[in-house]
């Protein structure tokens, strides 16, 4: 579930899939479900409980960053993403998210965003959308 939305219907008791009717979501999944439903406080409580049992999972770290963003805590999200990037330097999506967080900072951290997107492009050199993003930032920095 690394940062992916949870399809609540597939883990619900009314699912058409028999095995899904008896499936009991983990605390992490319950936190992700609450987050998707806009229940931020409940998501944080469940996520904290999950992390006491299984600390340091990438999924939980990314969900925590997404919660910070939803709360408007951009600095916390930035710190969280920088921590995640150190753990998983070869993950394209992490560099993309970090670049996005830098751009959401107040004021936007254009040079840092550019550097994060460059690292993402190194991981996926043929990504046209990323090349365009870097070109736009480069034009902005001039």
Protein backbone atom coordinates (compact mmCIF):
# COMPACT_ATOMS: atom_id res chain seq x y z
CA UNK A 1 0.00 0.00 0.00
CA UNK A 2 3.02 2.30 -0.26
CA UNK A 3 1.17 5.56 -0.53
CA UNK A 4 -1.68 4.12 -2.57
CA UNK A 5 -5.31 4.80 -1.80
CA UNK A 6 -7.11 1.98 -0.02
CA UNK A 7 -10.27 0.76 -1.73
CA UNK A 8 -12.54 0.62 1.30
CA UNK A 9 -15.15 -1.35 -0.64
CA UNK A 10 -12.73 -4.26 -1.10
CA UNK A 11 -12.14 -4.60 2.63
CA UNK A 12 -15.73 -4.00 3.65
CA UNK A 13 -18.18 -6.55 4.94
CA UNK A 14 -20.49 -5.93 1.96
CA UNK A 15 -17.81 -6.74 -0.63
CA UNK A 16 -18.74 -9.18 -3.40
CA UNK A 17 -15.43 -10.96 -2.74
CA UNK A 18 -15.97 -13.59 0.01
CA UNK A 19 -12.42 -13.38 1.40
CA UNK A 20 -12.73 -9.60 1.69
CA UNK A 21 -15.76 -9.94 3.95
CA UNK A 22 -13.67 -11.59 6.65
CA UNK A 23 -10.51 -9.54 6.08
CA UNK A 24 -9.47 -7.44 9.07
CA UNK A 25 -7.47 -4.37 8.03
CA UNK A 26 -4.23 -3.65 9.85
CA UNK A 27 -3.87 -0.51 11.95
CA UNK A 28 -1.95 1.03 9.06
CA UNK A 29 -4.76 0.24 6.62
CA UNK A 30 -7.33 1.61 9.06
CA UNK A 31 -5.26 4.79 9.34
CA UNK A 32 -5.10 5.05 5.54
CA UNK A 33 -8.86 4.49 5.30
CA UNK A 34 -9.50 7.21 7.88
CA UNK A 35 -7.13 9.56 6.08
CA UNK A 36 -8.91 8.94 2.77
CA UNK A 37 -12.21 9.70 4.52
CA UNK A 38 -10.84 12.98 5.90
CA UNK A 39 -10.68 11.72 9.50
CA UNK A 40 -7.22 13.10 10.16
CA UNK A 41 -7.21 12.86 13.96
CA UNK A 42 -8.39 9.26 13.89
CA UNK A 43 -5.82 8.44 11.20
CA UNK A 44 -3.02 9.88 13.35
CA UNK A 45 -4.09 7.87 16.39
CA UNK A 46 -4.20 4.62 14.41
CA UNK A 47 -0.93 5.39 12.69
CA UNK A 48 0.78 6.07 16.03
CA UNK A 49 -0.56 2.75 17.37
CA UNK A 50 0.71 0.96 14.27
CA UNK A 51 4.15 2.55 14.60
CA UNK A 52 4.44 1.45 18.23
CA UNK A 53 4.01 -2.14 17.03
CA UNK A 54 5.94 -1.91 13.75
CA UNK A 55 8.18 1.19 13.72
CA UNK A 56 9.86 2.66 10.67
CA UNK A 57 7.86 1.24 7.76
CA UNK A 58 8.04 3.21 4.54
CA UNK A 59 4.26 3.11 4.10
CA UNK A 60 3.70 4.66 7.52
CA UNK A 61 6.34 7.32 6.90
CA UNK A 62 4.71 8.31 3.60
CA UNK A 63 1.24 8.35 5.14
CA UNK A 64 2.55 10.59 7.92
CA UNK A 65 3.93 12.98 5.28
CA UNK A 66 0.59 12.99 3.45
CA UNK A 67 -1.20 13.79 6.73
CA UNK A 68 1.19 16.68 7.37
CA UNK A 69 0.42 18.03 3.90
CA UNK A 70 -3.33 17.69 4.50
CA UNK A 71 -2.92 19.63 7.74
CA UNK A 72 -0.95 22.35 5.96
CA UNK A 73 2.17 21.51 7.98
CA UNK A 74 4.51 21.93 5.03
CA UNK A 75 7.70 22.15 7.12
CA UNK A 76 6.83 18.89 8.89
CA UNK A 77 6.04 17.27 5.53
CA UNK A 78 9.37 18.51 4.17
CA UNK A 79 11.31 17.11 7.12
CA UNK A 80 9.43 13.83 6.80
CA UNK A 81 10.12 13.56 3.05
CA UNK A 82 13.82 14.34 3.52
CA UNK A 83 13.97 11.54 6.09
CA UNK A 84 12.24 9.16 3.67
CA UNK A 85 14.55 10.14 0.79
CA UNK A 86 17.58 9.19 2.90
CA UNK A 87 16.06 5.76 3.52
CA UNK A 88 15.00 5.01 -0.07
CA UNK A 89 17.26 7.04 -2.38
CA UNK A 90 16.44 4.90 -5.41
CA UNK A 91 12.69 5.53 -5.33
CA UNK A 92 11.54 7.84 -8.12
CA UNK A 93 8.23 8.66 -6.44
CA UNK A 94 9.93 9.82 -3.26
CA UNK A 95 12.03 12.36 -5.18
CA UNK A 96 8.94 13.54 -7.04
CA UNK A 97 7.03 13.99 -3.77
CA UNK A 98 10.00 15.76 -2.18
CA UNK A 99 10.18 18.16 -5.12
CA UNK A 100 6.46 18.82 -4.77
CA UNK A 101 6.85 19.51 -1.05
CA UNK A 102 9.65 21.98 -1.74
CA UNK A 103 7.38 23.81 -4.19
CA UNK A 104 4.60 23.95 -1.58
CA UNK A 105 6.93 25.58 0.96
CA UNK A 106 6.38 29.23 1.76
CA UNK A 107 8.28 30.66 0.02
CA UNK A 108 8.72 27.89 -2.56
CA UNK A 109 12.19 26.33 -2.49
CA UNK A 110 12.78 26.29 -6.23
CA UNK A 111 16.45 25.24 -6.14
CA UNK A 112 15.73 22.37 -3.77
CA UNK A 113 12.77 21.27 -5.87
CA UNK A 114 14.93 21.37 -8.98
CA UNK A 115 17.58 19.21 -7.30
CA UNK A 116 14.95 16.67 -6.18
CA UNK A 117 13.44 16.49 -9.67
CA UNK A 118 16.93 16.06 -11.15
CA UNK A 119 17.46 13.04 -8.90
CA UNK A 120 14.12 11.67 -10.08
CA UNK A 121 15.14 12.21 -13.72
CA UNK A 122 18.39 10.35 -13.06
CA UNK A 123 16.25 7.39 -11.98
CA UNK A 124 13.94 7.67 -15.01
CA UNK A 125 15.84 9.52 -17.76
CA UNK A 126 13.11 9.20 -20.39
CA UNK A 127 10.34 10.76 -18.27
CA UNK A 128 9.04 13.56 -20.54
CA UNK A 129 6.78 15.12 -17.90
CA UNK A 130 9.71 15.37 -15.52
CA UNK A 131 11.93 16.90 -18.21
CA UNK A 132 9.20 19.48 -18.84
CA UNK A 133 8.92 20.21 -15.09
CA UNK A 134 12.67 20.79 -14.89
CA UNK A 135 12.56 23.02 -17.95
CA UNK A 136 9.79 25.11 -16.37
CA UNK A 137 11.71 25.45 -13.11
CA UNK A 138 14.87 26.32 -15.00
CA UNK A 139 12.99 29.09 -16.84
CA UNK A 140 11.63 30.35 -13.52
CA UNK A 141 15.08 30.46 -11.92
CA UNK A 142 16.54 32.67 -14.69
